[in-house]
Amino acid sequence: MALFNKEKGPVVGPGKIENVLGPSTRFQGRLTSDGNVRVDGVFEGTIETAGNVIIGEQARVMADIVANGVQVWGAIKGNITATGRLEILSSGRVWGDIKVAALLIDEGGVFRGQCVMQGNGEPLLLEGPKDEAAGEQAGAPPEASEAESAAE
């Protein structure tokens, strides 16, 4: 079962979220879990889970997060590592560096930081067509070719 469903919001029901930090709760420290985590209050520290993390719309999080998937409706300041997908909804704000397999930012969502996309695919090597007769790239300015020849 997927955590995210763009049309209907989070698919994970109340019975599927094992850890909830309510809207009137403040927590400082380290939270580790094998299940899903939802934060609606104020959290400061570190969240590590094999499951997914939902940051509710009223949540204020100052933490580094390591999880399978992360869905942000509220605000987070910290680094995020997601082996799956990071989704920043229209009310979501993320300030920090992220390392993710997939990234979705809805219109109105804010991301400030650096992003590293994880994956198994090799990047495409984009090269211009080569002029096989001259052994040069087609379209290169003649001055560059002459300068290279003179340098040799």
N, C-alpha and C. Protein backbone atom coordinates (compact mmCIF):
# COMPACT_ATOMS: atom_id res chain seq x y z
N MET A 1 0.84 -1.18 0.00
CA MET A 1 0.00 0.00 0.00
C MET A 1 0.88 1.24 0.00
N ALA A 2 0.60 2.17 -0.86
CA ALA A 2 1.41 3.39 -0.96
C ALA A 2 1.01 4.39 0.11
N LEU A 3 1.96 5.22 0.49
CA LEU A 3 1.69 6.26 1.48
C LEU A 3 1.05 7.46 0.83
N PHE A 4 1.36 7.72 -0.43
CA PHE A 4 0.94 8.96 -1.06
C PHE A 4 -0.11 8.70 -2.13
N ASN A 5 -1.11 9.55 -2.17
CA ASN A 5 -2.12 9.53 -3.21
C ASN A 5 -2.47 10.97 -3.48
N LYS A 6 -2.01 11.51 -4.59
CA LYS A 6 -2.14 12.94 -4.88
C LYS A 6 -3.58 13.41 -4.81
N GLU A 7 -4.52 12.61 -5.23
CA GLU A 7 -5.91 13.03 -5.25
C GLU A 7 -6.52 13.12 -3.85
N LYS A 8 -6.15 12.21 -2.95
CA LYS A 8 -6.84 12.11 -1.67
C LYS A 8 -5.96 12.36 -0.46
N GLY A 9 -4.72 12.78 -0.63
CA GLY A 9 -3.82 12.98 0.50
C GLY A 9 -3.22 11.66 0.95
N PRO A 10 -2.80 11.57 2.21
CA PRO A 10 -2.14 10.36 2.67
C PRO A 10 -3.09 9.17 2.67
N VAL A 11 -2.61 8.05 2.20
CA VAL A 11 -3.41 6.83 2.16
C VAL A 11 -3.33 6.09 3.48
N VAL A 12 -2.25 6.30 4.22
CA VAL A 12 -2.06 5.60 5.48
C VAL A 12 -3.14 6.03 6.46
N GLY A 13 -3.95 5.08 6.93
CA GLY A 13 -5.02 5.40 7.86
C GLY A 13 -4.50 5.46 9.29
N PRO A 14 -5.35 5.87 10.24
CA PRO A 14 -4.93 5.98 11.64
C PRO A 14 -4.36 4.69 12.20
N GLY A 15 -4.88 3.54 11.78
CA GLY A 15 -4.37 2.27 12.26
C GLY A 15 -2.99 1.92 11.71
N LYS A 16 -2.61 2.56 10.65
CA LYS A 16 -1.33 2.27 10.01
C LYS A 16 -0.20 3.15 10.53
N ILE A 17 -0.50 4.22 11.21
CA ILE A 17 0.54 5.11 11.76
C ILE A 17 0.76 4.71 13.21
N GLU A 18 1.94 4.17 13.49
CA GLU A 18 2.21 3.68 14.84
C GLU A 18 2.63 4.77 15.81
N ASN A 19 3.19 5.87 15.31
CA ASN A 19 3.74 6.91 16.18
C ASN A 19 3.17 8.26 15.80
N VAL A 20 2.50 8.92 16.75
CA VAL A 20 1.89 10.22 16.49
C VAL A 20 2.33 11.21 17.56
N LEU A 21 2.81 12.36 17.09
CA LEU A 21 3.13 13.47 17.99
C LEU A 21 2.04 14.50 17.76
N GLY A 22 1.12 14.64 18.71
CA GLY A 22 -0.06 15.48 18.55
C GLY A 22 0.24 16.97 18.46
N PRO A 23 -0.76 17.75 18.05
CA PRO A 23 -0.56 19.18 17.82
C PRO A 23 -0.21 19.98 19.08
N SER A 24 -0.58 19.51 20.24
CA SER A 24 -0.26 20.25 21.47
C SER A 24 1.00 19.72 22.14
N THR A 25 1.75 18.88 21.44
CA THR A 25 2.93 18.24 22.02
C THR A 25 4.22 18.83 21.47
N ARG A 26 5.19 19.02 22.39
CA ARG A 26 6.54 19.44 22.02
C ARG A 26 7.47 18.31 22.43
N PHE A 27 8.40 17.95 21.50
CA PHE A 27 9.33 16.86 21.80
C PHE A 27 10.71 17.27 21.34
N GLN A 28 11.70 16.94 22.18
CA GLN A 28 13.09 17.20 21.83
C GLN A 28 13.87 15.92 22.07
N GLY A 29 14.57 15.44 21.03
CA GLY A 29 15.35 14.22 21.19
C GLY A 29 15.41 13.42 19.91
N ARG A 30 15.57 12.10 20.08
CA ARG A 30 15.73 11.19 18.94
C ARG A 30 14.57 10.20 18.93
N LEU A 31 13.91 10.09 17.79
CA LEU A 31 12.82 9.15 17.63
C LEU A 31 13.25 8.11 16.60
N THR A 32 13.26 6.83 17.00
CA THR A 32 13.57 5.75 16.07
C THR A 32 12.40 4.78 16.05
N SER A 33 12.09 4.27 14.87
CA SER A 33 10.93 3.40 14.73
C SER A 33 11.08 2.53 13.49
N ASP A 34 10.36 1.42 13.47
CA ASP A 34 10.27 0.60 12.27
C ASP A 34 8.98 0.91 11.51
N GLY A 35 8.10 1.69 12.13
CA GLY A 35 6.80 1.98 11.52
C GLY A 35 6.67 3.42 11.05
N ASN A 36 5.46 3.77 10.68
CA ASN A 36 5.17 5.11 10.19
C ASN A 36 5.06 6.11 11.33
N VAL A 37 5.44 7.36 11.05
CA VAL A 37 5.47 8.41 12.06
C VAL A 37 4.70 9.61 11.53
N ARG A 38 3.86 10.21 12.37
CA ARG A 38 3.18 11.45 12.02
C ARG A 38 3.48 12.49 13.09
N VAL A 39 3.90 13.69 12.63
CA VAL A 39 4.20 14.79 13.54
C VAL A 39 3.23 15.93 13.24
N ASP A 40 2.46 16.32 14.26
CA ASP A 40 1.56 17.47 14.14
C ASP A 40 1.93 18.57 15.11
N GLY A 41 2.87 18.30 16.01
CA GLY A 41 3.30 19.28 17.00
C GLY A 41 4.66 19.86 16.66
N VAL A 42 5.42 20.16 17.72
CA VAL A 42 6.76 20.72 17.56
C VAL A 42 7.77 19.62 17.89
N PHE A 43 8.68 19.36 16.97
CA PHE A 43 9.68 18.31 17.15
C PHE A 43 11.05 18.89 16.86
N GLU A 44 12.00 18.62 17.76
CA GLU A 44 13.38 19.06 17.56
C GLU A 44 14.30 17.89 17.85
N GLY A 45 15.14 17.53 16.88
CA GLY A 45 16.07 16.41 17.09
C GLY A 45 16.29 15.61 15.83
N THR A 46 16.05 14.29 15.92
CA THR A 46 16.29 13.37 14.81
C THR A 46 15.15 12.37 14.72
N ILE A 47 14.71 12.09 13.50
CA ILE A 47 13.71 11.05 13.26
C ILE A 47 14.33 10.03 12.31
N GLU A 48 14.36 8.76 12.73
CA GLU A 48 14.86 7.67 11.90
C GLU A 48 13.82 6.56 11.91
N THR A 49 13.33 6.20 10.72
CA THR A 49 12.35 5.14 10.64
C THR A 49 12.49 4.37 9.34
N ALA A 50 12.14 3.08 9.39
CA ALA A 50 12.10 2.28 8.17
C ALA A 50 10.81 2.54 7.42
N GLY A 51 9.87 3.19 8.09
CA GLY A 51 8.58 3.52 7.49
C GLY A 51 8.59 4.90 6.86
N ASN A 52 7.42 5.51 6.90
CA ASN A 52 7.22 6.82 6.30
C ASN A 52 6.97 7.87 7.37
N VAL A 53 7.23 9.13 7.02
CA VAL A 53 7.01 10.24 7.95
C VAL A 53 6.05 11.23 7.30
N ILE A 54 5.04 11.65 8.06
CA ILE A 54 4.13 12.69 7.63
C ILE A 54 4.31 13.88 8.57
N ILE A 55 4.61 15.04 7.99
CA ILE A 55 4.72 16.27 8.76
C ILE A 55 3.42 17.02 8.52
N GLY A 56 2.56 17.10 9.56
CA GLY A 56 1.25 17.73 9.42
C GLY A 56 1.33 19.23 9.18
N GLU A 57 0.23 19.81 8.75
CA GLU A 57 0.19 21.21 8.35
C GLU A 57 0.55 22.17 9.48
N GLN A 58 0.22 21.84 10.72
CA GLN A 58 0.54 22.72 11.85
C GLN A 58 1.89 22.40 12.49
N ALA A 59 2.55 21.36 12.00
CA ALA A 59 3.82 20.91 12.60
C ALA A 59 4.95 21.89 12.33
N ARG A 60 5.84 21.97 13.31
CA ARG A 60 7.07 22.76 13.18
C ARG A 60 8.20 21.83 13.60
N VAL A 61 9.02 21.44 12.63
CA VAL A 61 10.04 20.42 12.87
C VAL A 61 11.42 21.00 12.59
N MET A 62 12.31 20.87 13.56
CA MET A 62 13.72 21.23 13.40
C MET A 62 14.49 19.94 13.64
N ALA A 63 14.68 19.17 12.56
CA ALA A 63 15.25 17.83 12.72
C ALA A 63 15.81 17.31 11.42
N ASP A 64 16.72 16.36 11.55
CA ASP A 64 17.16 15.57 10.41
C ASP A 64 16.27 14.34 10.36
N ILE A 65 15.84 13.97 9.16
CA ILE A 65 14.93 12.84 8.99
C ILE A 65 15.54 11.83 8.04
N VAL A 66 15.52 10.55 8.45
CA VAL A 66 15.90 9.44 7.59
C VAL A 66 14.71 8.50 7.58
N ALA A 67 14.13 8.28 6.39
CA ALA A 67 12.91 7.47 6.29
C ALA A 67 12.79 6.89 4.89
N ASN A 68 11.78 6.04 4.73
CA ASN A 68 11.47 5.52 3.40
C ASN A 68 10.85 6.62 2.55
N GLY A 69 9.79 7.22 3.04
CA GLY A 69 9.11 8.31 2.33
C GLY A 69 8.77 9.41 3.31
N VAL A 70 8.71 10.64 2.81
CA VAL A 70 8.39 11.78 3.67
C VAL A 70 7.38 12.65 2.93
N GLN A 71 6.31 13.02 3.64
CA GLN A 71 5.29 13.90 3.09
C GLN A 71 5.21 15.12 4.00
N VAL A 72 5.41 16.32 3.42
CA VAL A 72 5.50 17.55 4.22
C VAL A 72 4.32 18.46 3.90
N TRP A 73 3.47 18.66 4.91
CA TRP A 73 2.36 19.61 4.83
C TRP A 73 2.72 20.87 5.63
N GLY A 74 3.58 20.73 6.62
CA GLY A 74 3.97 21.83 7.51
C GLY A 74 5.35 22.35 7.19
N ALA A 75 6.12 22.69 8.23
CA ALA A 75 7.45 23.28 8.04
C ALA A 75 8.52 22.42 8.68
N ILE A 76 9.62 22.24 7.97
CA ILE A 76 10.76 21.50 8.51
C ILE A 76 12.05 22.23 8.16
N LYS A 77 12.89 22.35 9.16
CA LYS A 77 14.24 22.88 8.96
C LYS A 77 15.19 21.77 9.37
N GLY A 78 15.88 21.19 8.37
CA GLY A 78 16.79 20.08 8.62
C GLY A 78 17.00 19.29 7.35
N ASN A 79 17.89 18.35 7.42
CA ASN A 79 18.22 17.52 6.25
C ASN A 79 17.31 16.30 6.20
N ILE A 80 16.95 15.90 4.98
CA ILE A 80 16.05 14.76 4.79
C ILE A 80 16.73 13.75 3.86
N THR A 81 16.74 12.49 4.29
CA THR A 81 17.18 11.39 3.43
C THR A 81 16.00 10.44 3.30
N ALA A 82 15.53 10.25 2.07
CA ALA A 82 14.39 9.36 1.83
C ALA A 82 14.79 8.34 0.77
N THR A 83 14.72 7.06 1.12
CA THR A 83 15.04 6.01 0.15
C THR A 83 13.95 5.92 -0.91
N GLY A 84 12.80 6.46 -0.62
CA GLY A 84 11.70 6.53 -1.57
C GLY A 84 11.48 7.96 -2.02
N ARG A 85 10.31 8.48 -1.72
CA ARG A 85 9.88 9.77 -2.26
C ARG A 85 9.71 10.83 -1.18
N LEU A 86 10.12 12.04 -1.51
CA LEU A 86 9.83 13.22 -0.69
C LEU A 86 8.78 14.02 -1.43
N GLU A 87 7.68 14.30 -0.73
CA GLU A 87 6.60 15.08 -1.33
C GLU A 87 6.39 16.32 -0.47
N ILE A 88 6.53 17.50 -1.10
CA ILE A 88 6.29 18.77 -0.42
C ILE A 88 4.98 19.31 -0.97
N LEU A 89 3.95 19.33 -0.13
CA LEU A 89 2.63 19.76 -0.56
C LEU A 89 2.56 21.28 -0.62
N SER A 90 1.44 21.82 -1.10
CA SER A 90 1.32 23.26 -1.32
C SER A 90 1.52 24.08 -0.05
N SER A 91 1.22 23.53 1.11
CA SER A 91 1.43 24.25 2.37
C SER A 91 2.78 23.90 3.00
N GLY A 92 3.53 23.00 2.39
CA GLY A 92 4.79 22.51 2.96
C GLY A 92 5.97 23.42 2.68
N ARG A 93 6.90 23.46 3.65
CA ARG A 93 8.12 24.26 3.52
C ARG A 93 9.28 23.45 4.06
N VAL A 94 10.34 23.33 3.26
CA VAL A 94 11.53 22.58 3.67
C VAL A 94 12.74 23.47 3.48
N TRP A 95 13.50 23.65 4.56
CA TRP A 95 14.77 24.37 4.53
C TRP A 95 15.85 23.39 4.96
N GLY A 96 16.65 22.94 4.01
CA GLY A 96 17.71 21.98 4.31
C GLY A 96 18.06 21.18 3.08
N ASP A 97 19.09 20.38 3.19
CA ASP A 97 19.54 19.55 2.08
C ASP A 97 18.77 18.23 2.08
N ILE A 98 18.51 17.73 0.88
CA ILE A 98 17.75 16.49 0.77
C ILE A 98 18.49 15.51 -0.13
N LYS A 99 18.32 14.23 0.18
CA LYS A 99 18.85 13.13 -0.63
C LYS A 99 17.68 12.17 -0.80
N VAL A 100 17.16 12.07 -2.02
CA VAL A 100 15.93 11.33 -2.26
C VAL A 100 16.01 10.52 -3.55
N ALA A 101 15.15 9.51 -3.65
CA ALA A 101 15.02 8.75 -4.89
C ALA A 101 14.04 9.44 -5.83
N ALA A 102 13.04 10.12 -5.28
CA ALA A 102 12.05 10.83 -6.08
C ALA A 102 11.61 12.07 -5.31
N LEU A 103 11.30 13.13 -6.05
CA LEU A 103 10.92 14.41 -5.43
C LEU A 103 9.71 14.97 -6.14
N LEU A 104 8.71 15.38 -5.35
CA LEU A 104 7.53 16.04 -5.89
C LEU A 104 7.26 17.28 -5.06
N ILE A 105 7.18 18.43 -5.71
CA ILE A 105 6.86 19.68 -5.02
C ILE A 105 5.61 20.25 -5.67
N ASP A 106 4.53 20.34 -4.89
CA ASP A 106 3.29 20.92 -5.40
C ASP A 106 3.46 22.43 -5.56
N GLU A 107 2.62 23.02 -6.41
CA GLU A 107 2.63 24.47 -6.58
C GLU A 107 2.35 25.12 -5.23
N GLY A 108 3.18 26.06 -4.84
CA GLY A 108 3.06 26.71 -3.54
C GLY A 108 3.99 26.13 -2.50
N GLY A 109 4.46 24.90 -2.71
CA GLY A 109 5.43 24.29 -1.80
C GLY A 109 6.77 24.99 -1.91
N VAL A 110 7.52 25.03 -0.81
CA VAL A 110 8.80 25.74 -0.77
C VAL A 110 9.91 24.76 -0.42
N PHE A 111 11.00 24.82 -1.20
CA PHE A 111 12.20 24.05 -0.89
C PHE A 111 13.40 24.96 -1.05
N ARG A 112 14.18 25.09 0.02
CA ARG A 112 15.42 25.86 -0.01
C ARG A 112 16.54 24.96 0.47
N GLY A 113 17.45 24.63 -0.42
CA GLY A 113 18.57 23.76 -0.06
C GLY A 113 19.12 23.09 -1.30
N GLN A 114 19.91 22.07 -1.07
CA GLN A 114 20.49 21.30 -2.16
C GLN A 114 19.82 19.94 -2.23
N CYS A 115 19.74 19.42 -3.45
CA CYS A 115 19.08 18.13 -3.66
C CYS A 115 20.03 17.17 -4.36
N VAL A 116 20.14 15.96 -3.83
CA VAL A 116 20.87 14.88 -4.48
C VAL A 116 19.85 13.79 -4.77
N MET A 117 19.75 13.42 -6.05
CA MET A 117 18.83 12.36 -6.43
C MET A 117 19.58 11.03 -6.40
N GLN A 118 19.05 10.09 -5.62
CA GLN A 118 19.64 8.76 -5.53
C GLN A 118 18.99 7.87 -6.58
N GLY A 119 19.74 6.96 -7.10
CA GLY A 119 19.15 6.03 -8.07
C GLY A 119 20.22 5.15 -8.68
N ASN A 120 19.76 4.14 -9.38
CA ASN A 120 20.67 3.20 -10.00
C ASN A 120 21.03 3.58 -11.43
N GLY A 121 20.26 4.46 -12.03
CA GLY A 121 20.48 4.80 -13.43
C GLY A 121 21.72 5.64 -13.64
N GLU A 122 22.40 5.36 -14.73
CA GLU A 122 23.57 6.15 -15.12
C GLU A 122 23.09 7.37 -15.89
N PRO A 123 23.75 8.51 -15.71
CA PRO A 123 23.33 9.69 -16.46
C PRO A 123 23.64 9.52 -17.95
N LEU A 124 22.82 10.14 -18.76
CA LEU A 124 23.07 10.12 -20.20
C LEU A 124 24.24 11.02 -20.52
N LEU A 125 25.10 10.56 -21.39
CA LEU A 125 26.21 11.38 -21.83
C LEU A 125 25.76 12.10 -23.10
N LEU A 126 25.62 13.39 -22.99
CA LEU A 126 25.16 14.17 -24.13
C LEU A 126 26.35 14.77 -24.83
N GLU A 127 26.63 14.29 -26.01
CA GLU A 127 27.72 14.81 -26.81
C GLU A 127 27.17 15.22 -28.16
N GLY A 128 27.79 16.22 -28.74
CA GLY A 128 27.40 16.65 -30.07
C GLY A 128 27.86 15.64 -31.10
N PRO A 129 27.30 15.70 -32.30
CA PRO A 129 27.74 14.78 -33.36
C PRO A 129 29.19 15.06 -33.72
N LYS A 130 29.92 14.00 -34.03
CA LYS A 130 31.35 14.16 -34.36
C LYS A 130 31.55 14.13 -35.87
N ASP A 131 32.48 14.95 -36.33
CA ASP A 131 32.89 14.93 -37.73
C ASP A 131 33.96 13.85 -37.82
N GLU A 132 33.58 12.67 -38.31
CA GLU A 132 34.49 11.53 -38.29
C GLU A 132 35.72 11.74 -39.16
N ALA A 133 35.59 12.50 -40.23
CA ALA A 133 36.74 12.72 -41.12
C ALA A 133 37.83 13.51 -40.40
N ALA A 134 37.45 14.50 -39.63
CA ALA A 134 38.44 15.35 -38.96
C ALA A 134 38.65 14.91 -37.52
N GLY A 135 37.78 14.02 -37.00
CA GLY A 135 37.92 13.58 -35.62
C GLY A 135 37.57 14.68 -34.62
N GLU A 136 36.76 15.65 -35.06
CA GLU A 136 36.39 16.77 -34.20
C GLU A 136 34.88 16.76 -34.03
N GLN A 137 34.43 17.49 -33.04
CA GLN A 137 33.00 17.66 -32.88
C GLN A 137 32.51 18.65 -33.93
N ALA A 138 31.42 18.30 -34.60
CA ALA A 138 30.85 19.20 -35.58
C ALA A 138 30.34 20.44 -34.88
N GLY A 139 30.49 21.56 -35.51
CA GLY A 139 29.99 22.79 -34.94
C GLY A 139 30.98 23.50 -34.06
N ALA A 140 32.17 22.93 -33.83
CA ALA A 140 33.18 23.60 -33.01
C ALA A 140 33.76 24.75 -33.82
N PRO A 141 34.02 25.88 -33.20
CA PRO A 141 34.58 27.00 -33.95
C PRO A 141 35.94 26.64 -34.53
N PRO A 142 36.23 27.07 -35.77
CA PRO A 142 37.49 26.71 -36.41
C PRO A 142 38.69 27.22 -35.63
N GLU A 143 38.55 28.36 -34.95
CA GLU A 143 39.67 28.90 -34.18
C GLU A 143 40.11 27.91 -33.10
N ALA A 144 39.13 27.25 -32.47
CA ALA A 144 39.46 26.30 -31.41
C ALA A 144 40.26 25.14 -31.98
N SER A 145 39.86 24.63 -33.15
CA SER A 145 40.56 23.51 -33.77
C SER A 145 41.97 23.91 -34.16
N GLU A 146 42.12 25.13 -34.72
CA GLU A 146 43.44 25.60 -35.12
C GLU A 146 44.34 25.80 -33.91
N ALA A 147 43.76 26.33 -32.82
CA ALA A 147 44.55 26.57 -31.60
C ALA A 147 45.01 25.25 -31.01
N GLU A 148 44.14 24.23 -31.04
CA GLU A 148 44.52 22.93 -30.51
C GLU A 148 45.63 22.31 -31.35
N SER A 149 45.57 22.47 -32.69
CA SER A 149 46.60 21.93 -33.58
C SER A 149 47.93 22.62 -33.34
N ALA A 150 47.91 23.94 -33.13
CA ALA A 150 49.14 24.70 -32.91
C ALA A 150 49.78 24.32 -31.58
N ALA A 151 48.96 23.96 -30.60
CA ALA A 151 49.48 23.61 -29.28
C ALA A 151 50.18 22.26 -29.31
N GLU A 152 49.81 21.40 -30.26
CA GLU A 152 50.42 20.06 -30.35
C GLU A 152 51.70 20.17 -31.04
